[in-house]
Amino acid sequence: MKYRAVYAILLLALALPLATAFAQDAAKSMDQPVVVIAKALAYNDLSVTGFPPGMKIAVLAGDPGQPAAYTIRLKFPDKYAFPPHWHPGLENVTVISGRFFLAMGEKVDNSALHEYHSGDFLVAPAHMAHYGRVSGETVVQLHGVGPFDIKVVGRQ
């Protein structure tokens, strides 16, 4: 339990300056407010080499392909599982709906998966390999500073 508190404090210490930088960068790159109506949000297929088909993406703000602030949502069908992968930049994840299971590491170990629910928030540091799965249709929201990229472990 003591280590969890230390880990949480470290994550918070890292996340606060990054969140401030994200907000400042977002304000510089947008000259108009961004409003997203969830019911009107359009998802498109997202094909990532090494990932099974079925994942969908919606861009809420910014351009995830550019070196600037972005916010996206990913939608996964029931029982979708994604392989160990990492991102060049820090990844902030909020579970919007469904049951999201995630673990850190380069090899899948289902016993290491932790379950997250609507409203839960996670931060995956840059270059940290992680993998997971979902139960029920699941939506997560990611935000960070791009360019956003997915690197499957063993496929660099």
Protein backbone atom coordinates (compact mmCIF):
# COMPACT_ATOMS: atom_id res chain seq x y z
CA MET A 1 0.00 0.00 0.00
CA LYS A 2 2.90 2.32 0.83
CA TYR A 3 4.32 1.85 -2.68
CA ARG A 4 0.96 2.69 -4.29
CA ALA A 5 0.91 6.04 -2.50
CA VAL A 6 4.47 6.83 -3.61
CA TYR A 7 3.61 5.81 -7.18
CA ALA A 8 0.47 7.98 -7.13
CA ILE A 9 2.44 10.98 -5.85
CA LEU A 10 5.07 10.49 -8.56
CA LEU A 11 2.40 10.27 -11.26
CA LEU A 12 0.71 13.40 -9.94
CA ALA A 13 4.03 15.27 -9.85
CA LEU A 14 4.62 14.32 -13.49
CA ALA A 15 1.05 14.91 -14.65
CA LEU A 16 0.46 18.42 -13.27
CA PRO A 17 3.18 20.21 -15.27
CA LEU A 18 2.23 18.23 -18.37
CA ALA A 19 -1.44 19.07 -17.95
CA THR A 20 -0.56 22.75 -17.64
CA ALA A 21 1.63 22.57 -20.74
CA PHE A 22 -1.16 20.72 -22.57
CA ALA A 23 -3.71 23.41 -21.69
CA GLN A 24 -1.35 26.23 -22.69
CA ASP A 25 -0.47 24.49 -25.98
CA ALA A 26 -4.14 23.81 -26.73
CA ALA A 27 -5.02 27.45 -26.11
CA LYS A 28 -2.28 28.59 -28.52
CA SER A 29 -3.37 26.21 -31.28
CA MET A 30 -7.10 26.99 -31.15
CA ASP A 31 -8.67 30.37 -31.64
CA GLN A 32 -12.24 29.15 -31.17
CA PRO A 33 -13.86 26.99 -28.50
CA VAL A 34 -14.22 23.30 -29.28
CA VAL A 35 -17.57 21.70 -28.46
CA VAL A 36 -18.18 18.00 -29.03
CA ILE A 37 -21.67 16.56 -28.72
CA ALA A 38 -21.19 12.92 -27.78
CA LYS A 39 -24.33 11.73 -29.58
CA ALA A 40 -23.13 13.32 -32.84
CA LEU A 41 -19.57 12.00 -32.62
CA ALA A 42 -18.52 10.07 -35.74
CA TYR A 43 -16.06 7.20 -35.33
CA ASN A 44 -13.89 5.89 -38.16
CA ASP A 45 -12.10 2.55 -38.46
CA LEU A 46 -8.56 2.63 -37.11
CA SER A 47 -6.19 0.12 -38.63
CA VAL A 48 -2.92 -0.45 -36.79
CA THR A 49 -0.48 -3.09 -38.00
CA GLY A 50 -0.34 -5.82 -35.36
CA PHE A 51 -3.74 -4.93 -33.85
CA PRO A 52 -6.89 -6.88 -34.65
CA PRO A 53 -9.54 -5.07 -36.71
CA GLY A 54 -12.51 -3.44 -34.98
CA MET A 55 -10.96 -0.47 -33.17
CA LYS A 56 -12.48 2.90 -34.09
CA ILE A 57 -11.27 6.49 -33.59
CA ALA A 58 -12.89 9.91 -33.29
CA VAL A 59 -10.81 13.09 -33.14
CA LEU A 60 -12.28 15.56 -30.65
CA ALA A 61 -9.68 18.34 -30.80
CA GLY A 62 -6.35 19.03 -32.42
CA ASP A 63 -4.54 16.83 -34.91
CA PRO A 64 -2.97 13.73 -33.35
CA GLY A 65 -0.49 13.55 -36.23
CA GLN A 66 1.04 16.93 -35.43
CA PRO A 67 3.40 18.04 -32.63
CA ALA A 68 0.60 19.76 -30.72
CA ALA A 69 -2.16 19.04 -28.21
CA TYR A 70 -4.79 16.50 -29.26
CA THR A 71 -7.78 14.68 -27.78
CA ILE A 72 -9.17 11.50 -29.32
CA ARG A 73 -11.58 8.74 -28.38
CA LEU A 74 -11.09 5.08 -29.17
CA LYS A 75 -14.02 2.68 -29.31
CA PHE A 76 -13.47 -1.05 -28.91
CA PRO A 77 -15.98 -3.83 -29.60
CA ASP A 78 -16.76 -6.38 -26.88
CA LYS A 79 -13.86 -8.75 -26.11
CA TYR A 80 -11.33 -6.70 -28.11
CA ALA A 81 -7.74 -7.36 -26.99
CA PHE A 82 -4.76 -5.24 -27.97
CA PRO A 83 -1.14 -6.42 -28.02
CA PRO A 84 1.82 -5.02 -26.11
CA HIS A 85 2.71 -1.63 -27.56
CA TRP A 86 4.07 1.76 -26.57
CA HIS A 87 3.79 5.41 -27.57
CA PRO A 88 6.60 7.93 -28.16
CA GLY A 89 4.78 10.46 -25.95
CA LEU A 90 3.02 10.33 -22.62
CA GLU A 91 -0.53 8.96 -22.91
CA ASN A 92 -3.37 10.22 -20.70
CA VAL A 93 -6.33 7.82 -20.69
CA THR A 94 -9.84 8.36 -19.30
CA VAL A 95 -12.36 5.53 -19.43
CA ILE A 96 -15.62 6.92 -20.80
CA SER A 97 -17.69 3.72 -20.84
CA GLY A 98 -17.31 -0.04 -20.60
CA ARG A 99 -14.75 -2.13 -18.76
CA PHE A 100 -11.12 -1.48 -19.70
CA PHE A 101 -8.35 -3.86 -18.60
CA LEU A 102 -4.72 -2.73 -18.77
CA ALA A 103 -1.31 -3.94 -17.65
CA MET A 104 2.24 -2.75 -18.21
CA GLY A 105 4.85 -4.95 -19.83
CA GLU A 106 6.12 -6.34 -23.11
CA LYS A 107 4.52 -9.78 -22.72
CA VAL A 108 0.86 -10.55 -22.17
CA ASP A 109 0.10 -11.85 -18.69
CA ASN A 110 -3.67 -11.82 -18.17
CA SER A 111 -3.24 -12.19 -14.41
CA ALA A 112 -1.54 -8.76 -14.36
CA LEU A 113 -4.48 -6.92 -15.95
CA HIS A 114 -6.21 -4.29 -13.79
CA GLU A 115 -9.87 -3.39 -14.41
CA TYR A 116 -10.89 0.25 -14.92
CA HIS A 117 -14.38 1.74 -15.21
CA SER A 118 -16.11 4.89 -16.40
CA GLY A 119 -14.38 7.95 -14.98
CA ASP A 120 -11.10 6.20 -14.14
CA PHE A 121 -7.94 7.99 -15.30
CA LEU A 122 -4.52 6.55 -16.11
CA VAL A 123 -1.20 7.95 -17.30
CA ALA A 124 1.16 5.76 -19.32
CA PRO A 125 4.64 7.29 -19.52
CA ALA A 126 6.29 7.61 -22.92
CA HIS A 127 7.91 4.40 -24.20
CA MET A 128 6.27 2.23 -21.50
CA ALA A 129 4.90 -0.95 -23.07
CA HIS A 130 1.33 -1.88 -22.15
CA TYR A 131 -1.44 -4.22 -23.35
CA GLY A 132 -5.02 -4.97 -22.53
CA ARG A 133 -8.53 -5.89 -23.44
CA VAL A 134 -12.12 -4.76 -22.93
CA SER A 135 -15.37 -6.29 -21.80
CA GLY A 136 -18.47 -4.91 -23.48
CA GLU A 137 -18.25 -2.09 -25.99
CA THR A 138 -15.73 0.29 -24.41
CA VAL A 139 -14.75 3.89 -25.12
CA VAL A 140 -11.59 5.56 -23.82
CA GLN A 141 -10.45 9.12 -24.30
CA LEU A 142 -6.77 9.87 -24.89
CA HIS A 143 -5.09 13.23 -24.76
CA GLY A 144 -1.54 14.39 -24.96
CA VAL A 145 0.90 16.19 -27.18
CA GLY A 146 1.47 14.62 -30.59
CA PRO A 147 2.40 13.28 -32.81
CA PHE A 148 0.43 10.29 -31.50
CA ASP A 149 1.85 6.97 -32.66
CA ILE A 150 1.48 3.31 -31.73
CA LYS A 151 4.57 1.08 -31.76
CA VAL A 152 3.80 -2.63 -31.39
CA VAL A 153 6.45 -4.44 -29.33
CA GLY A 154 8.71 -6.44 -31.63
CA ARG A 155 7.64 -4.53 -34.79
CA GLN A 156 9.92 -1.48 -34.68
